[in-house]
């Protein structure tokens, strides 16, 4: 699958405000500054689609994009930004939880993990949180161009081993680089397959 056309639909503060048309949708989420906006721009081949920022916690709303008039790409706020107030974090948790467990259109959540670091507590907590709610998700390792291929393999293996202490088996996984467009076709083909089964 390839993407020919992408348009921004809108930003929403609550799940109830999100578009109600029954087309498949795919959400992207990860720790603040994990490279989410860069990955979305790379997948869509559209440089300024999602706003890239050096400031963690920039995305505060549920941002919707219509792709090829047939499915939605959803940019969710990053989790774990320490400088957010407790009240703001609680509001985020409520918004995201309602979105993740009430959207019948949601086919898969792409959970982004920074390949440069060992498994972070906040990532482990979120992945386990997803599992507890039986939300469909896959793992996406980002920023692999910052490491040698040998280090990427080593880091990914360590992250997998950390997760396997809590999981019997892991979901599908993708190794990506927004800079080098690594993993783009694999993710798009995965979405295409799910679209066909929707």
N, C-alpha and C. Protein backbone atom coordinates (compact mmCIF):
# COMPACT_ATOMS: atom_id res chain seq x y z
N UNK A 1 0.83 -1.20 0.00
CA UNK A 1 0.00 0.00 0.00
C UNK A 1 0.87 1.25 0.00
N UNK A 2 0.40 2.28 -0.69
CA UNK A 2 1.07 3.57 -0.61
C UNK A 2 0.02 4.65 -0.38
N UNK A 3 0.46 5.80 0.11
CA UNK A 3 -0.47 6.89 0.42
C UNK A 3 -0.40 7.94 -0.68
N UNK A 4 -1.57 8.33 -1.18
CA UNK A 4 -1.61 9.32 -2.25
C UNK A 4 -2.09 10.69 -1.76
N UNK A 5 -2.99 10.68 -0.76
CA UNK A 5 -3.57 11.95 -0.32
C UNK A 5 -3.85 11.93 1.18
N UNK A 6 -3.45 12.99 1.87
CA UNK A 6 -3.71 13.10 3.31
C UNK A 6 -4.25 14.50 3.61
N UNK A 7 -5.30 14.55 4.42
CA UNK A 7 -5.83 15.86 4.82
C UNK A 7 -6.09 15.89 6.32
N UNK A 8 -5.83 17.04 6.91
CA UNK A 8 -6.06 17.23 8.34
C UNK A 8 -7.56 17.44 8.57
N UNK A 9 -8.14 16.67 9.49
CA UNK A 9 -9.57 16.81 9.78
C UNK A 9 -9.80 17.75 10.95
N UNK A 10 -9.05 17.55 12.05
CA UNK A 10 -9.24 18.42 13.20
C UNK A 10 -8.60 17.88 14.46
N UNK A 11 -8.59 18.71 15.50
CA UNK A 11 -8.05 18.35 16.81
C UNK A 11 -9.20 18.31 17.81
N UNK A 12 -9.21 17.26 18.64
CA UNK A 12 -10.34 17.07 19.54
C UNK A 12 -9.86 16.82 20.97
N UNK A 13 -10.57 17.39 21.93
CA UNK A 13 -10.17 17.26 23.33
C UNK A 13 -10.83 16.07 24.01
N UNK A 14 -11.87 15.52 23.38
CA UNK A 14 -12.56 14.38 23.97
C UNK A 14 -12.91 13.36 22.88
N UNK A 15 -12.97 12.12 23.28
CA UNK A 15 -13.30 11.05 22.35
C UNK A 15 -14.66 11.29 21.71
N UNK A 16 -15.59 11.82 22.47
CA UNK A 16 -16.96 12.03 21.98
C UNK A 16 -17.02 13.05 20.83
N UNK A 17 -15.97 13.88 20.71
CA UNK A 17 -15.94 14.87 19.63
C UNK A 17 -15.34 14.32 18.34
N UNK A 18 -14.70 13.16 18.42
CA UNK A 18 -13.99 12.60 17.26
C UNK A 18 -14.96 12.21 16.15
N UNK A 19 -14.48 12.16 14.90
CA UNK A 19 -15.33 11.79 13.77
C UNK A 19 -16.03 10.45 14.01
N UNK A 20 -17.29 10.38 13.62
CA UNK A 20 -18.09 9.19 13.88
C UNK A 20 -18.26 8.28 12.66
N UNK A 21 -17.73 8.69 11.50
CA UNK A 21 -17.89 7.83 10.33
C UNK A 21 -17.14 6.51 10.54
N UNK A 22 -17.75 5.43 10.07
CA UNK A 22 -17.19 4.10 10.31
C UNK A 22 -16.15 3.71 9.26
N UNK A 23 -14.97 4.31 9.40
CA UNK A 23 -13.83 3.90 8.58
C UNK A 23 -12.74 3.44 9.53
N UNK A 24 -11.86 2.53 9.11
CA UNK A 24 -10.82 2.06 10.01
C UNK A 24 -9.88 3.18 10.43
N UNK A 25 -9.44 3.13 11.69
CA UNK A 25 -8.48 4.16 12.14
C UNK A 25 -7.33 3.52 12.90
N UNK A 26 -6.20 4.20 12.84
CA UNK A 26 -4.94 3.72 13.41
C UNK A 26 -4.33 4.85 14.23
N UNK A 27 -4.07 4.56 15.50
CA UNK A 27 -3.57 5.60 16.40
C UNK A 27 -2.08 5.40 16.66
N UNK A 28 -1.37 6.52 16.82
CA UNK A 28 0.06 6.50 17.11
C UNK A 28 0.29 7.19 18.44
N UNK A 29 1.03 6.51 19.32
CA UNK A 29 1.26 7.05 20.66
C UNK A 29 2.64 6.61 21.14
N UNK A 30 3.20 7.36 22.07
CA UNK A 30 4.50 7.00 22.64
C UNK A 30 4.90 8.03 23.67
N UNK A 31 6.01 7.74 24.32
CA UNK A 31 6.53 8.67 25.31
C UNK A 31 6.86 10.00 24.62
N UNK A 32 6.73 11.08 25.35
CA UNK A 32 7.03 12.40 24.78
C UNK A 32 8.43 12.40 24.17
N UNK A 33 8.54 12.99 22.98
CA UNK A 33 9.81 13.11 22.26
C UNK A 33 10.34 11.79 21.69
N UNK A 34 9.45 10.84 21.44
CA UNK A 34 9.88 9.54 20.92
C UNK A 34 10.06 9.56 19.40
N UNK A 35 9.62 10.66 18.75
CA UNK A 35 9.74 10.76 17.30
C UNK A 35 8.44 10.44 16.58
N UNK A 36 7.33 10.65 17.28
CA UNK A 36 6.02 10.31 16.73
C UNK A 36 5.66 11.16 15.50
N UNK A 37 5.80 12.47 15.63
CA UNK A 37 5.46 13.35 14.51
C UNK A 37 6.34 13.06 13.30
N UNK A 38 7.62 12.83 13.53
CA UNK A 38 8.53 12.51 12.42
C UNK A 38 8.11 11.21 11.73
N UNK A 39 7.70 10.23 12.52
CA UNK A 39 7.26 8.95 11.94
C UNK A 39 6.00 9.13 11.11
N UNK A 40 5.04 9.88 11.63
CA UNK A 40 3.79 10.11 10.90
C UNK A 40 4.07 10.84 9.58
N UNK A 41 4.94 11.86 9.64
CA UNK A 41 5.31 12.60 8.42
C UNK A 41 5.99 11.68 7.40
N UNK A 42 6.84 10.79 7.92
CA UNK A 42 7.55 9.86 7.04
C UNK A 42 6.58 8.88 6.39
N UNK A 43 5.64 8.33 7.16
CA UNK A 43 4.67 7.38 6.62
C UNK A 43 3.82 8.01 5.53
N UNK A 44 3.43 9.27 5.78
CA UNK A 44 2.54 9.96 4.84
C UNK A 44 3.29 10.65 3.72
N UNK A 45 4.64 10.65 3.83
CA UNK A 45 5.47 11.31 2.82
C UNK A 45 5.10 12.79 2.70
N UNK A 46 4.92 13.41 3.86
CA UNK A 46 4.39 14.78 3.92
C UNK A 46 5.12 15.49 5.06
N UNK A 47 6.10 16.29 4.73
CA UNK A 47 7.02 16.82 5.74
C UNK A 47 6.38 17.58 6.89
N UNK A 48 5.41 18.46 6.62
CA UNK A 48 4.87 19.28 7.69
C UNK A 48 3.52 18.85 8.22
N UNK A 49 3.15 17.59 7.98
CA UNK A 49 1.81 17.14 8.35
C UNK A 49 1.61 17.19 9.87
N UNK A 50 2.40 16.42 10.59
CA UNK A 50 2.35 16.46 12.06
C UNK A 50 3.45 17.40 12.52
N UNK A 51 3.14 18.24 13.47
CA UNK A 51 4.11 19.24 13.94
C UNK A 51 5.22 18.60 14.76
N UNK A 52 6.44 18.74 14.26
CA UNK A 52 7.62 18.22 14.95
C UNK A 52 8.11 19.29 15.92
N UNK A 53 8.37 18.89 17.16
CA UNK A 53 8.81 19.88 18.15
C UNK A 53 9.90 19.30 19.03
N UNK A 54 10.82 20.17 19.48
CA UNK A 54 11.83 19.75 20.45
C UNK A 54 11.28 19.84 21.86
N UNK A 55 10.07 20.39 21.98
CA UNK A 55 9.45 20.52 23.30
C UNK A 55 8.57 19.32 23.58
N UNK A 56 8.94 18.49 24.58
CA UNK A 56 8.10 17.33 24.90
C UNK A 56 6.71 17.77 25.33
N UNK A 57 5.72 16.92 25.03
CA UNK A 57 4.36 17.21 25.48
C UNK A 57 3.63 18.21 24.61
N UNK A 58 4.10 18.42 23.37
CA UNK A 58 3.51 19.43 22.49
C UNK A 58 2.09 19.05 22.07
N UNK A 59 1.90 17.77 21.68
CA UNK A 59 0.57 17.33 21.28
C UNK A 59 -0.30 17.18 22.52
N UNK A 60 -1.40 17.93 22.57
CA UNK A 60 -2.28 17.89 23.74
C UNK A 60 -3.68 17.42 23.38
N UNK A 61 -3.93 17.19 22.10
CA UNK A 61 -5.26 16.82 21.64
C UNK A 61 -5.18 15.55 20.79
N UNK A 62 -6.36 15.01 20.45
CA UNK A 62 -6.45 13.87 19.54
C UNK A 62 -6.55 14.45 18.13
N UNK A 63 -5.50 14.28 17.34
CA UNK A 63 -5.43 14.89 16.02
C UNK A 63 -5.74 13.87 14.92
N UNK A 64 -6.70 14.23 14.06
CA UNK A 64 -7.19 13.31 13.03
C UNK A 64 -6.76 13.73 11.63
N UNK A 65 -6.33 12.72 10.86
CA UNK A 65 -5.99 12.91 9.45
C UNK A 65 -6.75 11.88 8.62
N UNK A 66 -7.31 12.31 7.50
CA UNK A 66 -7.99 11.38 6.58
C UNK A 66 -6.99 10.99 5.50
N UNK A 67 -6.83 9.69 5.30
CA UNK A 67 -5.85 9.18 4.34
C UNK A 67 -6.57 8.52 3.17
N UNK A 68 -6.28 9.00 1.96
CA UNK A 68 -6.86 8.45 0.73
C UNK A 68 -8.37 8.29 0.81
N UNK A 69 -9.02 9.18 1.54
CA UNK A 69 -10.49 9.18 1.69
C UNK A 69 -11.05 7.86 2.21
N UNK A 70 -10.17 7.02 2.83
CA UNK A 70 -10.67 5.69 3.21
C UNK A 70 -10.34 5.27 4.64
N UNK A 71 -9.37 5.93 5.29
CA UNK A 71 -9.06 5.58 6.68
C UNK A 71 -8.49 6.77 7.43
N UNK A 72 -8.50 6.67 8.75
CA UNK A 72 -8.01 7.75 9.60
C UNK A 72 -6.68 7.39 10.26
N UNK A 73 -5.77 8.33 10.26
CA UNK A 73 -4.54 8.25 11.05
C UNK A 73 -4.74 9.19 12.23
N UNK A 74 -4.50 8.70 13.43
CA UNK A 74 -4.79 9.47 14.64
C UNK A 74 -3.50 9.69 15.44
N UNK A 75 -3.18 10.95 15.66
CA UNK A 75 -1.98 11.35 16.40
C UNK A 75 -2.41 11.65 17.85
N UNK A 76 -2.01 10.78 18.78
CA UNK A 76 -2.39 10.93 20.18
C UNK A 76 -1.30 11.66 20.97
N UNK A 77 -1.67 12.35 22.06
CA UNK A 77 -0.66 13.03 22.88
C UNK A 77 0.34 12.04 23.47
N UNK A 78 1.59 12.47 23.59
CA UNK A 78 2.62 11.64 24.21
C UNK A 78 2.36 11.46 25.69
N UNK A 79 2.79 10.33 26.22
CA UNK A 79 2.62 10.09 27.66
C UNK A 79 3.94 10.28 28.41
N UNK A 80 3.81 10.49 29.69
CA UNK A 80 4.99 10.51 30.56
C UNK A 80 5.78 11.80 30.57
N UNK A 81 5.17 12.91 30.16
CA UNK A 81 5.90 14.19 30.21
C UNK A 81 5.86 14.72 31.63
N UNK A 82 7.00 14.67 32.31
CA UNK A 82 7.07 14.96 33.74
C UNK A 82 6.64 16.38 34.12
N UNK A 83 6.82 17.35 33.19
CA UNK A 83 6.54 18.73 33.54
C UNK A 83 5.04 19.07 33.46
N UNK A 84 4.23 18.12 32.97
CA UNK A 84 2.80 18.36 32.97
C UNK A 84 2.27 18.31 34.40
N UNK A 85 1.28 19.12 34.69
CA UNK A 85 0.70 19.12 36.03
C UNK A 85 -0.07 17.82 36.25
N UNK A 86 -0.27 17.46 37.51
CA UNK A 86 -0.99 16.23 37.85
C UNK A 86 -2.40 16.26 37.25
N UNK A 87 -3.02 17.45 37.33
CA UNK A 87 -4.38 17.60 36.80
C UNK A 87 -4.40 17.34 35.29
N UNK A 88 -3.39 17.87 34.59
CA UNK A 88 -3.31 17.72 33.15
C UNK A 88 -3.06 16.25 32.77
N UNK A 89 -2.21 15.58 33.57
CA UNK A 89 -1.93 14.17 33.31
C UNK A 89 -3.19 13.32 33.50
N UNK A 90 -3.95 13.63 34.56
CA UNK A 90 -5.18 12.88 34.83
C UNK A 90 -6.20 13.09 33.70
N UNK A 91 -6.26 14.33 33.20
CA UNK A 91 -7.17 14.64 32.09
C UNK A 91 -6.75 13.86 30.85
N UNK A 92 -5.43 13.81 30.61
CA UNK A 92 -4.89 13.06 29.48
C UNK A 92 -5.27 11.59 29.61
N UNK A 93 -5.04 11.00 30.80
CA UNK A 93 -5.32 9.58 31.01
C UNK A 93 -6.79 9.26 30.74
N UNK A 94 -7.67 10.13 31.22
CA UNK A 94 -9.10 9.92 31.03
C UNK A 94 -9.46 10.00 29.54
N UNK A 95 -8.90 11.01 28.85
CA UNK A 95 -9.17 11.20 27.42
C UNK A 95 -8.69 10.00 26.61
N UNK A 96 -7.45 9.56 26.88
CA UNK A 96 -6.87 8.46 26.11
C UNK A 96 -7.57 7.14 26.42
N UNK A 97 -7.86 6.91 27.69
CA UNK A 97 -8.53 5.66 28.05
C UNK A 97 -9.89 5.56 27.35
N UNK A 98 -10.66 6.64 27.39
CA UNK A 98 -11.97 6.63 26.73
C UNK A 98 -11.80 6.40 25.23
N UNK A 99 -10.81 7.03 24.64
CA UNK A 99 -10.58 6.85 23.21
C UNK A 99 -10.23 5.39 22.90
N UNK A 100 -9.29 4.83 23.66
CA UNK A 100 -8.78 3.49 23.36
C UNK A 100 -9.80 2.38 23.57
N UNK A 101 -10.71 2.57 24.51
CA UNK A 101 -11.63 1.46 24.81
C UNK A 101 -13.04 1.65 24.26
N UNK A 102 -13.32 2.80 23.65
CA UNK A 102 -14.69 3.00 23.16
C UNK A 102 -14.80 3.16 21.65
N UNK A 103 -13.68 3.21 20.94
CA UNK A 103 -13.74 3.43 19.49
C UNK A 103 -13.87 2.12 18.72
N UNK A 104 -15.05 1.79 18.20
CA UNK A 104 -15.18 0.55 17.42
C UNK A 104 -14.37 0.60 16.12
N UNK A 105 -14.07 1.82 15.64
CA UNK A 105 -13.32 1.97 14.38
C UNK A 105 -11.82 1.69 14.57
N UNK A 106 -11.35 1.75 15.81
CA UNK A 106 -9.90 1.63 16.07
C UNK A 106 -9.43 0.20 15.78
N UNK A 107 -8.57 0.07 14.78
CA UNK A 107 -8.07 -1.24 14.39
C UNK A 107 -6.76 -1.61 15.06
N UNK A 108 -5.93 -0.60 15.32
CA UNK A 108 -4.63 -0.90 15.91
C UNK A 108 -3.99 0.38 16.46
N UNK A 109 -3.28 0.24 17.57
CA UNK A 109 -2.51 1.34 18.15
C UNK A 109 -1.03 1.03 17.93
N UNK A 110 -0.32 1.97 17.34
CA UNK A 110 1.12 1.83 17.13
C UNK A 110 1.81 2.49 18.33
N UNK A 111 2.39 1.67 19.20
CA UNK A 111 3.06 2.17 20.40
C UNK A 111 4.54 2.34 20.09
N UNK A 112 5.02 3.59 20.12
CA UNK A 112 6.39 3.90 19.75
C UNK A 112 7.33 3.81 20.94
N UNK A 113 8.48 3.18 20.72
CA UNK A 113 9.50 3.04 21.75
C UNK A 113 10.84 3.48 21.17
N UNK A 114 11.54 4.33 21.88
CA UNK A 114 12.84 4.85 21.43
C UNK A 114 13.89 3.74 21.51
N UNK A 115 14.43 3.36 20.36
CA UNK A 115 15.39 2.24 20.31
C UNK A 115 16.73 2.56 20.96
N UNK A 116 16.97 3.84 21.25
CA UNK A 116 18.29 4.22 21.79
C UNK A 116 18.43 3.91 23.27
N UNK A 117 17.31 3.62 23.93
CA UNK A 117 17.34 3.43 25.38
C UNK A 117 16.86 2.04 25.77
N UNK A 118 17.23 1.65 26.99
CA UNK A 118 16.68 0.40 27.53
C UNK A 118 15.20 0.61 27.80
N UNK A 119 14.49 -0.47 28.09
CA UNK A 119 13.06 -0.38 28.35
C UNK A 119 12.80 0.60 29.49
N UNK A 120 12.02 1.63 29.21
CA UNK A 120 11.69 2.64 30.21
C UNK A 120 10.47 2.19 31.01
N UNK A 121 10.47 2.54 32.28
CA UNK A 121 9.36 2.15 33.16
C UNK A 121 8.02 2.62 32.60
N UNK A 122 7.99 3.86 32.08
CA UNK A 122 6.74 4.43 31.58
C UNK A 122 6.24 3.67 30.35
N UNK A 123 7.17 3.18 29.50
CA UNK A 123 6.77 2.38 28.33
C UNK A 123 6.21 1.03 28.78
N UNK A 124 6.89 0.41 29.73
CA UNK A 124 6.42 -0.88 30.25
C UNK A 124 5.02 -0.73 30.84
N UNK A 125 4.83 0.32 31.64
CA UNK A 125 3.52 0.55 32.26
C UNK A 125 2.43 0.74 31.21
N UNK A 126 2.77 1.50 30.15
CA UNK A 126 1.75 1.75 29.13
C UNK A 126 1.43 0.48 28.34
N UNK A 127 2.43 -0.29 27.98
CA UNK A 127 2.21 -1.54 27.24
C UNK A 127 1.35 -2.49 28.09
N UNK A 128 1.66 -2.59 29.38
CA UNK A 128 0.87 -3.45 30.27
C UNK A 128 -0.55 -2.92 30.43
N UNK A 129 -0.67 -1.60 30.46
CA UNK A 129 -1.98 -0.94 30.55
C UNK A 129 -2.83 -1.31 29.33
N UNK A 130 -2.19 -1.29 28.15
CA UNK A 130 -2.87 -1.68 26.91
C UNK A 130 -3.32 -3.14 26.97
N UNK A 131 -2.43 -3.98 27.48
CA UNK A 131 -2.76 -5.40 27.59
C UNK A 131 -3.92 -5.65 28.52
N UNK A 132 -3.93 -4.94 29.65
CA UNK A 132 -5.03 -5.09 30.61
C UNK A 132 -6.38 -4.74 29.99
N UNK A 133 -6.36 -3.79 29.06
CA UNK A 133 -7.60 -3.34 28.42
C UNK A 133 -7.87 -4.06 27.10
N UNK A 134 -7.01 -5.01 26.79
CA UNK A 134 -7.15 -5.81 25.56
C UNK A 134 -7.28 -4.94 24.30
N UNK A 135 -6.56 -3.83 24.32
CA UNK A 135 -6.56 -2.96 23.15
C UNK A 135 -5.57 -3.51 22.11
N UNK A 136 -5.94 -3.54 20.83
CA UNK A 136 -5.04 -4.07 19.81
C UNK A 136 -3.87 -3.12 19.55
N UNK A 137 -2.65 -3.62 19.64
CA UNK A 137 -1.50 -2.74 19.42
C UNK A 137 -0.31 -3.50 18.87
N UNK A 138 0.62 -2.73 18.29
CA UNK A 138 1.91 -3.25 17.85
C UNK A 138 2.99 -2.31 18.41
N UNK A 139 4.22 -2.77 18.37
CA UNK A 139 5.35 -1.96 18.86
C UNK A 139 6.15 -1.41 17.68
N UNK A 140 6.57 -0.16 17.80
CA UNK A 140 7.37 0.47 16.75
C UNK A 140 8.62 1.05 17.40
N UNK A 141 9.78 0.55 17.00
CA UNK A 141 11.05 1.07 17.53
C UNK A 141 11.50 2.23 16.65
N UNK A 142 11.74 3.38 17.26
CA UNK A 142 12.07 4.60 16.51
C UNK A 142 13.54 4.98 16.66
N UNK A 143 13.95 5.91 15.82
CA UNK A 143 15.28 6.55 15.87
C UNK A 143 16.43 5.56 15.72
N UNK A 144 16.24 4.54 14.91
CA UNK A 144 17.29 3.53 14.76
C UNK A 144 18.48 4.05 13.96
N UNK A 145 18.29 5.16 13.22
CA UNK A 145 19.41 5.71 12.44
C UNK A 145 20.47 6.33 13.35
N UNK A 146 20.14 6.51 14.64
CA UNK A 146 21.10 7.09 15.59
C UNK A 146 22.07 6.02 16.12
N UNK A 147 21.81 4.75 15.77
CA UNK A 147 22.62 3.64 16.28
C UNK A 147 23.15 2.79 15.13
N UNK A 148 24.19 2.02 15.41
CA UNK A 148 24.65 1.04 14.42
C UNK A 148 23.62 -0.10 14.40
N UNK A 149 23.59 -0.86 13.31
CA UNK A 149 22.61 -1.95 13.20
C UNK A 149 22.81 -2.98 14.31
N UNK A 150 24.06 -3.16 14.71
CA UNK A 150 24.37 -4.12 15.79
C UNK A 150 23.76 -3.63 17.12
N UNK A 151 23.89 -2.34 17.39
CA UNK A 151 23.32 -1.77 18.62
C UNK A 151 21.79 -1.78 18.59
N UNK A 152 21.22 -1.54 17.41
CA UNK A 152 19.76 -1.59 17.28
C UNK A 152 19.27 -2.98 17.68
N UNK A 153 19.90 -4.02 17.12
CA UNK A 153 19.51 -5.40 17.44
C UNK A 153 19.64 -5.68 18.93
N UNK A 154 20.74 -5.21 19.50
CA UNK A 154 21.00 -5.43 20.93
C UNK A 154 19.96 -4.73 21.80
N UNK A 155 19.66 -3.46 21.49
CA UNK A 155 18.70 -2.69 22.28
C UNK A 155 17.29 -3.26 22.16
N UNK A 156 16.92 -3.61 20.93
CA UNK A 156 15.58 -4.18 20.71
C UNK A 156 15.43 -5.49 21.49
N UNK A 157 16.47 -6.31 21.46
CA UNK A 157 16.44 -7.58 22.19
C UNK A 157 16.27 -7.35 23.69
N UNK A 158 16.96 -6.36 24.22
CA UNK A 158 16.85 -6.04 25.66
C UNK A 158 15.44 -5.57 26.00
N UNK A 159 14.87 -4.74 25.14
CA UNK A 159 13.50 -4.24 25.37
C UNK A 159 12.52 -5.42 25.33
N UNK A 160 12.69 -6.30 24.34
CA UNK A 160 11.81 -7.46 24.22
C UNK A 160 11.92 -8.35 25.46
N UNK A 161 13.14 -8.57 25.92
CA UNK A 161 13.34 -9.41 27.11
C UNK A 161 12.68 -8.80 28.34
N UNK A 162 12.75 -7.46 28.43
CA UNK A 162 12.11 -6.77 29.55
C UNK A 162 10.60 -6.95 29.52
N UNK A 163 10.02 -6.85 28.32
CA UNK A 163 8.57 -7.01 28.17
C UNK A 163 8.15 -8.45 28.42
N UNK A 164 8.99 -9.40 28.00
CA UNK A 164 8.64 -10.82 28.13
C UNK A 164 8.62 -11.31 29.58
N UNK A 165 9.09 -10.47 30.49
CA UNK A 165 8.95 -10.80 31.91
C UNK A 165 7.48 -10.65 32.35
N UNK A 166 6.70 -9.94 31.54
CA UNK A 166 5.30 -9.69 31.87
C UNK A 166 4.34 -10.27 30.83
N UNK A 167 4.88 -10.62 29.65
CA UNK A 167 4.06 -11.11 28.56
C UNK A 167 4.52 -12.50 28.12
N UNK A 168 3.57 -13.37 27.75
CA UNK A 168 3.93 -14.69 27.22
C UNK A 168 4.43 -14.58 25.79
N UNK A 169 3.85 -13.65 25.05
CA UNK A 169 4.26 -13.41 23.65
C UNK A 169 4.05 -11.94 23.36
N UNK A 170 4.83 -11.42 22.43
CA UNK A 170 4.75 -10.00 22.09
C UNK A 170 3.96 -9.80 20.81
N UNK A 171 3.34 -8.62 20.65
CA UNK A 171 2.61 -8.35 19.40
C UNK A 171 3.59 -8.12 18.25
N UNK A 172 3.06 -7.86 17.06
CA UNK A 172 3.92 -7.55 15.92
C UNK A 172 4.77 -6.31 16.23
N UNK A 173 5.96 -6.27 15.60
CA UNK A 173 6.89 -5.17 15.88
C UNK A 173 7.52 -4.66 14.60
N UNK A 174 7.84 -3.37 14.60
CA UNK A 174 8.45 -2.73 13.43
C UNK A 174 9.66 -1.91 13.88
N UNK A 175 10.75 -2.05 13.14
CA UNK A 175 11.96 -1.25 13.39
C UNK A 175 11.97 -0.13 12.36
N UNK A 176 12.06 1.13 12.83
CA UNK A 176 11.91 2.26 11.90
C UNK A 176 13.00 3.31 12.05
N UNK A 177 13.15 4.09 11.00
CA UNK A 177 13.95 5.31 11.02
C UNK A 177 13.24 6.32 10.14
N UNK A 178 12.80 7.41 10.73
CA UNK A 178 12.12 8.45 9.95
C UNK A 178 13.08 9.11 8.99
N UNK A 179 14.34 9.22 9.38
CA UNK A 179 15.37 9.84 8.54
C UNK A 179 15.59 9.03 7.26
N UNK A 180 15.67 7.71 7.41
CA UNK A 180 16.02 6.85 6.27
C UNK A 180 14.81 6.10 5.69
N UNK A 181 13.63 6.43 6.22
CA UNK A 181 12.38 5.80 5.76
C UNK A 181 12.38 4.29 5.95
N UNK A 182 13.11 3.82 6.95
CA UNK A 182 13.13 2.39 7.27
C UNK A 182 11.81 2.02 7.95
N UNK A 183 11.21 0.93 7.51
CA UNK A 183 9.98 0.43 8.13
C UNK A 183 8.71 1.01 7.55
N UNK A 184 8.85 1.99 6.65
CA UNK A 184 7.67 2.67 6.10
C UNK A 184 6.75 1.69 5.37
N UNK A 185 7.31 0.96 4.42
CA UNK A 185 6.48 0.07 3.60
C UNK A 185 5.87 -1.04 4.44
N UNK A 186 6.63 -1.55 5.41
CA UNK A 186 6.12 -2.63 6.26
C UNK A 186 4.89 -2.17 7.06
N UNK A 187 4.96 -0.95 7.61
CA UNK A 187 3.83 -0.43 8.39
C UNK A 187 2.62 -0.17 7.48
N UNK A 188 2.87 0.44 6.31
CA UNK A 188 1.77 0.73 5.39
C UNK A 188 1.12 -0.55 4.88
N UNK A 189 1.91 -1.57 4.61
CA UNK A 189 1.35 -2.85 4.16
C UNK A 189 0.53 -3.50 5.28
N UNK A 190 0.99 -3.35 6.50
CA UNK A 190 0.27 -3.89 7.66
C UNK A 190 -1.09 -3.21 7.79
N UNK A 191 -1.10 -1.88 7.66
CA UNK A 191 -2.36 -1.13 7.71
C UNK A 191 -3.26 -1.53 6.54
N UNK A 192 -2.68 -1.69 5.36
CA UNK A 192 -3.44 -2.08 4.18
C UNK A 192 -4.14 -3.42 4.37
N UNK A 193 -3.43 -4.35 5.00
CA UNK A 193 -4.01 -5.67 5.27
C UNK A 193 -5.19 -5.58 6.24
N UNK A 194 -5.03 -4.77 7.29
CA UNK A 194 -6.12 -4.59 8.24
C UNK A 194 -7.30 -3.88 7.59
N UNK A 195 -7.02 -2.93 6.71
CA UNK A 195 -8.10 -2.23 5.98
C UNK A 195 -8.92 -3.23 5.15
N UNK A 196 -8.23 -4.16 4.54
CA UNK A 196 -8.91 -5.16 3.70
C UNK A 196 -9.84 -6.05 4.53
N UNK A 197 -9.47 -6.23 5.81
CA UNK A 197 -10.28 -7.10 6.67
C UNK A 197 -11.32 -6.34 7.48
N UNK A 198 -11.37 -5.03 7.33
CA UNK A 198 -12.28 -4.21 8.14
C UNK A 198 -13.74 -4.48 7.78
